[in-house]
Amino acid sequence: MESQTMLRVDSKGRICVSKLVDPSVSSFREFIDTNHRIILEPYVEIPFREQGLYENPDALDLVRRGIEESAQGKLESRGSFQQYDQN
């Protein structure tokens, strides 16, 4: 989806983009191209404890497959996992 919006700077030279992006966006990476256009790439931060999952493609694939199977109703109860809760 592409859109265009005219943004005006305030008295301190700032623009507000929060109304243009998903609320889960926590930061932006900026690029300035050869035509002096500013491009903002939205980023979403993840909790440190979940970083290992995203660094392990096999584990991430298993989680994604589990989510798919759950959405398809392929559920199998394994009982309570409360004994493993570390919080």
N, C-alpha and C. Protein backbone atom coordinates (compact mmCIF):
# COMPACT_ATOMS: atom_id res chain seq x y z
N MET A 1 0.85 -1.18 0.00
CA MET A 1 0.00 0.00 0.00
C MET A 1 0.89 1.24 0.00
N GLU A 2 0.69 2.09 -0.93
CA GLU A 2 1.42 3.34 -0.98
C GLU A 2 0.47 4.48 -0.70
N SER A 3 0.97 5.50 -0.04
CA SER A 3 0.16 6.68 0.22
C SER A 3 1.06 7.90 0.27
N GLN A 4 0.46 9.03 0.14
CA GLN A 4 1.19 10.28 0.24
C GLN A 4 0.47 11.18 1.20
N THR A 5 1.22 11.82 2.06
CA THR A 5 0.67 12.76 3.02
C THR A 5 1.63 13.94 3.10
N MET A 6 1.10 15.12 3.12
CA MET A 6 1.94 16.30 3.28
C MET A 6 2.12 16.53 4.77
N LEU A 7 3.36 16.57 5.21
CA LEU A 7 3.67 16.80 6.62
C LEU A 7 4.36 18.15 6.75
N ARG A 8 4.03 18.87 7.79
CA ARG A 8 4.63 20.18 8.03
C ARG A 8 5.49 20.11 9.28
N VAL A 9 6.61 20.78 9.24
CA VAL A 9 7.47 20.83 10.41
C VAL A 9 6.91 21.82 11.42
N ASP A 10 7.16 21.53 12.70
CA ASP A 10 6.72 22.47 13.73
C ASP A 10 7.81 23.53 13.93
N SER A 11 7.62 24.38 14.93
CA SER A 11 8.56 25.49 15.15
C SER A 11 9.96 25.02 15.50
N LYS A 12 10.10 23.76 15.93
CA LYS A 12 11.41 23.22 16.27
C LYS A 12 11.97 22.32 15.16
N GLY A 13 11.32 22.30 13.99
CA GLY A 13 11.80 21.52 12.86
C GLY A 13 11.43 20.06 12.91
N ARG A 14 10.44 19.68 13.72
CA ARG A 14 10.05 18.28 13.87
C ARG A 14 8.79 17.98 13.07
N ILE A 15 8.65 16.71 12.66
CA ILE A 15 7.41 16.23 12.06
C ILE A 15 6.91 15.05 12.89
N CYS A 16 5.62 14.83 12.88
CA CYS A 16 5.02 13.74 13.64
C CYS A 16 4.55 12.67 12.66
N VAL A 17 5.08 11.46 12.80
CA VAL A 17 4.69 10.37 11.91
C VAL A 17 3.84 9.32 12.62
N SER A 18 3.59 9.50 13.91
CA SER A 18 2.89 8.47 14.68
C SER A 18 1.50 8.14 14.14
N LYS A 19 0.83 9.08 13.52
CA LYS A 19 -0.50 8.82 12.97
C LYS A 19 -0.44 8.03 11.66
N LEU A 20 0.76 7.90 11.10
CA LEU A 20 0.91 7.23 9.81
C LEU A 20 1.33 5.77 9.92
N VAL A 21 1.74 5.33 11.10
CA VAL A 21 2.32 4.00 11.23
C VAL A 21 1.56 3.15 12.25
N ASP A 22 1.79 1.85 12.16
CA ASP A 22 1.22 0.90 13.10
C ASP A 22 1.74 1.21 14.51
N PRO A 23 0.89 1.09 15.53
CA PRO A 23 1.33 1.40 16.89
C PRO A 23 2.47 0.52 17.40
N SER A 24 2.71 -0.63 16.78
CA SER A 24 3.79 -1.50 17.25
C SER A 24 5.17 -1.04 16.78
N VAL A 25 5.23 -0.06 15.89
CA VAL A 25 6.51 0.46 15.42
C VAL A 25 7.18 1.21 16.56
N SER A 26 8.44 0.85 16.83
CA SER A 26 9.14 1.47 17.96
C SER A 26 10.30 2.37 17.51
N SER A 27 10.74 2.21 16.28
CA SER A 27 11.83 3.05 15.79
C SER A 27 11.86 3.02 14.27
N PHE A 28 12.71 3.86 13.70
CA PHE A 28 12.84 3.95 12.25
C PHE A 28 14.30 3.94 11.86
N ARG A 29 14.59 3.36 10.72
CA ARG A 29 15.91 3.49 10.10
C ARG A 29 15.72 4.47 8.96
N GLU A 30 16.61 5.45 8.86
CA GLU A 30 16.43 6.47 7.83
C GLU A 30 17.45 6.30 6.72
N PHE A 31 17.01 6.61 5.52
CA PHE A 31 17.86 6.63 4.34
C PHE A 31 17.65 7.97 3.64
N ILE A 32 18.70 8.52 3.11
CA ILE A 32 18.58 9.71 2.27
C ILE A 32 19.18 9.34 0.92
N ASP A 33 18.36 9.39 -0.13
CA ASP A 33 18.84 8.96 -1.44
C ASP A 33 19.54 10.11 -2.17
N THR A 34 19.99 9.84 -3.38
CA THR A 34 20.76 10.83 -4.14
C THR A 34 19.93 12.05 -4.53
N ASN A 35 18.61 11.93 -4.47
CA ASN A 35 17.72 13.07 -4.76
C ASN A 35 17.29 13.78 -3.49
N HIS A 36 17.95 13.48 -2.37
CA HIS A 36 17.70 14.11 -1.07
C HIS A 36 16.33 13.75 -0.49
N ARG A 37 15.78 12.63 -0.96
CA ARG A 37 14.52 12.16 -0.39
C ARG A 37 14.83 11.38 0.88
N ILE A 38 14.00 11.57 1.89
CA ILE A 38 14.17 10.87 3.16
C ILE A 38 13.21 9.70 3.19
N ILE A 39 13.76 8.53 3.42
CA ILE A 39 12.96 7.30 3.48
C ILE A 39 13.08 6.74 4.90
N LEU A 40 11.95 6.50 5.53
CA LEU A 40 11.93 5.94 6.88
C LEU A 40 11.45 4.50 6.82
N GLU A 41 12.27 3.57 7.31
CA GLU A 41 11.89 2.16 7.36
C GLU A 41 11.51 1.82 8.80
N PRO A 42 10.24 1.44 9.04
CA PRO A 42 9.80 1.15 10.41
C PRO A 42 10.42 -0.13 10.96
N TYR A 43 10.72 -0.12 12.25
CA TYR A 43 11.26 -1.28 12.96
C TYR A 43 10.39 -1.59 14.17
N VAL A 44 10.36 -2.86 14.51
CA VAL A 44 9.65 -3.32 15.70
C VAL A 44 10.68 -4.06 16.55
N GLU A 45 10.83 -3.64 17.78
CA GLU A 45 11.78 -4.30 18.67
C GLU A 45 11.15 -5.54 19.28
N ILE A 46 11.99 -6.51 19.59
CA ILE A 46 11.52 -7.73 20.24
C ILE A 46 12.19 -7.84 21.60
N PRO A 47 11.56 -8.52 22.54
CA PRO A 47 12.19 -8.70 23.85
C PRO A 47 13.49 -9.50 23.72
N PHE A 48 14.48 -9.19 24.54
CA PHE A 48 15.78 -9.84 24.50
C PHE A 48 15.64 -11.35 24.61
N ARG A 49 14.73 -11.81 25.48
CA ARG A 49 14.60 -13.25 25.71
C ARG A 49 14.09 -13.99 24.47
N GLU A 50 13.48 -13.27 23.50
CA GLU A 50 12.99 -13.89 22.27
C GLU A 50 14.00 -13.79 21.13
N GLN A 51 15.09 -13.08 21.32
CA GLN A 51 16.07 -12.86 20.26
C GLN A 51 16.63 -14.18 19.73
N GLY A 52 16.91 -15.11 20.61
CA GLY A 52 17.48 -16.40 20.20
C GLY A 52 16.58 -17.14 19.23
N LEU A 53 15.26 -17.02 19.42
CA LEU A 53 14.33 -17.68 18.52
C LEU A 53 14.48 -17.15 17.09
N TYR A 54 14.61 -15.85 16.95
CA TYR A 54 14.73 -15.25 15.62
C TYR A 54 16.10 -15.50 15.00
N GLU A 55 17.08 -15.87 15.82
CA GLU A 55 18.42 -16.18 15.31
C GLU A 55 18.56 -17.66 14.95
N ASN A 56 17.56 -18.46 15.27
CA ASN A 56 17.60 -19.91 15.00
C ASN A 56 16.48 -20.25 14.01
N PRO A 57 16.79 -20.32 12.71
CA PRO A 57 15.76 -20.55 11.70
C PRO A 57 14.98 -21.84 11.90
N ASP A 58 15.63 -22.90 12.40
CA ASP A 58 14.93 -24.17 12.61
C ASP A 58 13.88 -24.03 13.71
N ALA A 59 14.26 -23.40 14.81
CA ALA A 59 13.33 -23.21 15.92
C ALA A 59 12.17 -22.31 15.50
N LEU A 60 12.48 -21.24 14.78
CA LEU A 60 11.44 -20.32 14.32
C LEU A 60 10.47 -21.03 13.38
N ASP A 61 11.00 -21.90 12.52
CA ASP A 61 10.14 -22.68 11.62
C ASP A 61 9.20 -23.58 12.41
N LEU A 62 9.71 -24.21 13.46
CA LEU A 62 8.86 -25.07 14.30
C LEU A 62 7.74 -24.28 14.97
N VAL A 63 8.06 -23.10 15.47
CA VAL A 63 7.04 -22.26 16.11
C VAL A 63 6.00 -21.85 15.08
N ARG A 64 6.43 -21.42 13.91
CA ARG A 64 5.48 -21.00 12.87
C ARG A 64 4.59 -22.17 12.44
N ARG A 65 5.19 -23.35 12.31
CA ARG A 65 4.41 -24.53 11.94
C ARG A 65 3.39 -24.86 13.03
N GLY A 66 3.79 -24.73 14.28
CA GLY A 66 2.87 -24.97 15.39
C GLY A 66 1.70 -24.00 15.39
N ILE A 67 1.97 -22.75 15.08
CA ILE A 67 0.91 -21.74 15.01
C ILE A 67 -0.06 -22.08 13.87
N GLU A 68 0.49 -22.50 12.71
CA GLU A 68 -0.36 -22.91 11.58
C GLU A 68 -1.25 -24.08 11.95
N GLU A 69 -0.64 -25.10 12.57
CA GLU A 69 -1.40 -26.29 12.93
C GLU A 69 -2.47 -25.95 13.96
N SER A 70 -2.16 -25.08 14.88
CA SER A 70 -3.14 -24.66 15.87
C SER A 70 -4.32 -23.95 15.20
N ALA A 71 -4.02 -23.10 14.22
CA ALA A 71 -5.07 -22.38 13.50
C ALA A 71 -5.96 -23.35 12.73
N GLN A 72 -5.40 -24.49 12.32
CA GLN A 72 -6.16 -25.50 11.59
C GLN A 72 -6.90 -26.45 12.53
N GLY A 73 -6.77 -26.22 13.82
CA GLY A 73 -7.46 -27.07 14.80
C GLY A 73 -6.72 -28.35 15.14
N LYS A 74 -5.49 -28.46 14.73
CA LYS A 74 -4.69 -29.66 15.02
C LYS A 74 -4.05 -29.50 16.40
N LEU A 75 -4.84 -29.71 17.43
CA LEU A 75 -4.38 -29.52 18.80
C LEU A 75 -4.31 -30.85 19.53
N GLU A 76 -3.32 -30.98 20.39
CA GLU A 76 -3.19 -32.17 21.21
C GLU A 76 -2.75 -31.72 22.60
N SER A 77 -3.58 -32.00 23.62
CA SER A 77 -3.25 -31.58 24.97
C SER A 77 -2.08 -32.38 25.52
N ARG A 78 -1.13 -31.68 26.08
CA ARG A 78 0.04 -32.31 26.71
C ARG A 78 0.03 -32.04 28.22
N GLY A 79 -1.10 -31.61 28.74
CA GLY A 79 -1.20 -31.32 30.16
C GLY A 79 -0.63 -29.96 30.51
N SER A 80 -0.41 -29.75 31.79
CA SER A 80 0.07 -28.46 32.28
C SER A 80 1.60 -28.38 32.18
N PHE A 81 2.06 -27.21 31.80
CA PHE A 81 3.51 -26.94 31.76
C PHE A 81 3.89 -25.97 32.86
N GLN A 82 3.01 -25.80 33.83
CA GLN A 82 3.23 -24.82 34.90
C GLN A 82 4.53 -25.08 35.65
N GLN A 83 4.93 -26.32 35.78
CA GLN A 83 6.16 -26.63 36.50
C GLN A 83 7.41 -26.06 35.85
N TYR A 84 7.31 -25.69 34.56
CA TYR A 84 8.46 -25.14 33.84
C TYR A 84 8.47 -23.62 33.81
N ASP A 85 7.45 -22.99 34.38
CA ASP A 85 7.35 -21.54 34.39
C ASP A 85 8.48 -20.95 35.23
N GLN A 86 9.28 -20.07 34.61
CA GLN A 86 10.42 -19.49 35.31
C GLN A 86 10.14 -18.10 35.84
N ASN A 87 8.94 -17.60 35.64
CA ASN A 87 8.62 -16.25 36.11
C ASN A 87 8.09 -16.24 37.50
